[in-house]
Protein backbone atom coordinates (compact mmCIF):
# COMPACT_ATOMS: atom_id res chain seq x y z
CA MET A 1 -80.55 -46.62 -27.90
CA GLU A 2 -83.29 -44.01 -28.20
CA THR A 3 -86.00 -46.34 -26.91
CA ILE A 4 -83.92 -47.10 -23.83
CA CYS A 5 -83.44 -43.40 -23.21
CA VAL A 6 -87.14 -42.60 -23.71
CA ASP A 7 -88.21 -45.49 -21.48
CA ASN A 8 -85.98 -44.18 -18.69
CA GLY A 9 -87.07 -40.56 -19.09
CA ILE A 10 -83.82 -39.30 -20.64
CA SER A 11 -84.06 -36.55 -23.25
CA ASP A 12 -82.61 -36.87 -26.75
CA PHE A 13 -79.85 -34.44 -25.81
CA GLY A 14 -79.01 -36.43 -22.69
CA CYS A 15 -79.02 -39.64 -24.68
CA SER A 16 -76.63 -38.18 -27.25
CA LEU A 17 -74.34 -37.02 -24.42
CA ILE A 18 -74.34 -40.52 -22.94
CA THR A 19 -73.62 -42.07 -26.35
CA GLY A 20 -70.80 -39.60 -27.02
CA GLY A 21 -69.36 -40.24 -23.60
CA MET A 22 -69.37 -43.98 -24.20
CA TYR A 23 -67.56 -43.57 -27.52
CA PHE A 24 -65.02 -41.30 -25.81
CA ALA A 25 -64.55 -43.91 -23.07
CA TYR A 26 -63.98 -46.60 -25.73
CA PHE A 27 -61.40 -44.34 -27.40
CA LEU A 28 -59.58 -43.74 -24.10
CA PHE A 29 -59.62 -47.48 -23.36
CA ILE A 30 -58.02 -48.25 -26.73
CA VAL A 31 -55.38 -45.54 -26.19
CA ALA A 32 -54.58 -46.95 -22.73
CA LEU A 33 -54.42 -50.49 -24.11
CA VAL A 34 -52.06 -49.50 -26.92
CA ALA A 35 -49.89 -47.50 -24.50
CA SER A 36 -49.76 -50.27 -21.91
CA VAL A 37 -48.70 -52.85 -24.49
CA GLY A 38 -46.69 -50.73 -26.92
CA LEU A 39 -44.54 -48.60 -24.65
CA PRO A 40 -43.08 -51.50 -22.64
CA LEU A 41 -42.30 -53.31 -25.90
CA ILE A 42 -40.47 -50.24 -27.20
CA SER A 43 -38.41 -49.95 -24.03
CA ALA A 44 -37.80 -53.73 -23.99
CA LEU A 45 -36.38 -53.60 -27.50
CA LYS A 46 -33.80 -51.15 -26.20
CA ALA A 47 -32.83 -53.58 -23.42
CA PRO A 48 -33.42 -57.19 -24.57
CA LYS A 49 -32.32 -58.64 -21.22
CA ASP A 50 -35.43 -57.16 -19.63
CA LEU A 51 -37.52 -58.88 -22.30
CA VAL A 52 -36.01 -62.25 -21.36
CA LYS A 53 -36.84 -61.63 -17.68
CA SER A 54 -40.42 -60.76 -18.61
CA GLY A 55 -40.67 -63.88 -20.75
CA LEU A 56 -39.49 -66.02 -17.85
CA ALA A 57 -42.10 -64.42 -15.61
CA VAL A 58 -44.84 -65.20 -18.13
CA VAL A 59 -43.61 -68.81 -18.41
CA ALA A 60 -43.63 -69.08 -14.61
CA LEU A 61 -47.23 -67.83 -14.49
CA VAL A 62 -48.24 -70.35 -17.16
CA VAL A 63 -46.62 -73.13 -15.12
CA VAL A 64 -48.41 -71.95 -11.96
CA PHE A 65 -51.71 -71.91 -13.88
CA GLY A 66 -51.01 -75.44 -15.14
CA VAL A 67 -50.44 -76.65 -11.59
CA ALA A 68 -53.58 -74.85 -10.41
CA TYR A 69 -55.61 -76.33 -13.28
CA ALA A 70 -54.35 -79.81 -12.40
CA LEU A 71 -55.32 -79.31 -8.75
CA SER A 72 -58.78 -77.84 -9.42
CA ASP A 73 -61.98 -79.85 -9.35
CA ASP A 74 -64.78 -79.83 -11.94
CA GLU A 75 -67.62 -80.41 -9.48
CA VAL A 76 -70.92 -78.66 -10.26
CA THR A 77 -73.61 -78.48 -7.61
CA LEU A 78 -77.30 -77.91 -8.26
CA VAL A 79 -77.03 -74.28 -7.21
CA THR A 80 -74.08 -73.52 -9.48
CA ALA A 81 -75.68 -75.45 -12.34
CA SER A 82 -78.72 -73.16 -12.07
CA TYR A 83 -76.35 -70.25 -12.82
CA GLY A 84 -75.15 -71.98 -15.98
CA VAL A 85 -71.81 -73.22 -14.64
CA THR A 86 -70.48 -76.19 -16.59
CA PRO A 87 -67.81 -78.65 -15.42
CA SER A 88 -65.19 -76.99 -17.65
CA SER A 89 -66.00 -73.49 -16.41
CA SER A 90 -65.99 -74.81 -12.83
CA LYS A 91 -62.51 -76.22 -13.42
CA PHE A 92 -61.30 -72.85 -14.80
CA ILE A 93 -62.86 -70.98 -11.87
CA GLY A 94 -61.17 -73.34 -9.43
CA ALA A 95 -57.87 -72.97 -11.26
CA GLY A 96 -58.16 -69.19 -11.10
CA LEU A 97 -58.83 -69.27 -7.37
CA ILE A 98 -55.98 -71.68 -6.67
CA MET A 99 -53.63 -69.57 -8.81
CA LEU A 100 -54.74 -66.47 -6.88
CA TYR A 101 -53.91 -68.20 -3.60
CA ILE A 102 -50.50 -69.39 -4.84
CA VAL A 103 -49.50 -65.97 -6.20
CA PHE A 104 -50.83 -64.14 -3.13
CA PHE A 105 -49.02 -66.29 -0.60
CA THR A 106 -45.84 -66.22 -2.70
CA ALA A 107 -45.99 -62.42 -2.75
CA VAL A 108 -46.57 -62.25 1.01
CA ALA A 109 -43.68 -64.65 1.62
CA GLY A 110 -41.46 -62.50 -0.62
CA LEU A 111 -42.42 -59.37 1.32
CA VAL A 112 -41.71 -61.02 4.66
CA TYR A 113 -38.37 -62.38 3.41
CA SER A 114 -37.41 -58.97 2.03
CA PHE A 115 -38.33 -57.27 5.30
CA ILE A 116 -36.34 -59.73 7.39
CA ALA A 117 -33.34 -59.64 5.03
CA LYS A 118 -33.21 -55.83 5.14
CA ALA A 119 -33.62 -55.84 8.93
CA ILE A 120 -30.66 -58.20 9.33
CA LYS A 121 -28.41 -56.08 7.11
């Protein structure tokens, strides 16, 4: 780390501040990760019906990803091959894009339906 700091004209004190800041950022990331996973699990244990709904949502996303993976192509062009893209990574990238489109348009359709249903009532 010191050679990188010296090469870029950063003092030892500045380098130690950067290093300390990075460790603090790692700590905050771990705290946020534990809180974002742990707290919903604690509240879900108090209401197991919510846990079943969340499980169904995860299963639905896995099914959507399976459909997207089946629809995606594993084509690799010369340009993408120069970036190190393999047929399997191309298939995963395509599946991710198709899943994004499916989820996005489903969300937009849900918003439009909700708006129209509330306007009618």
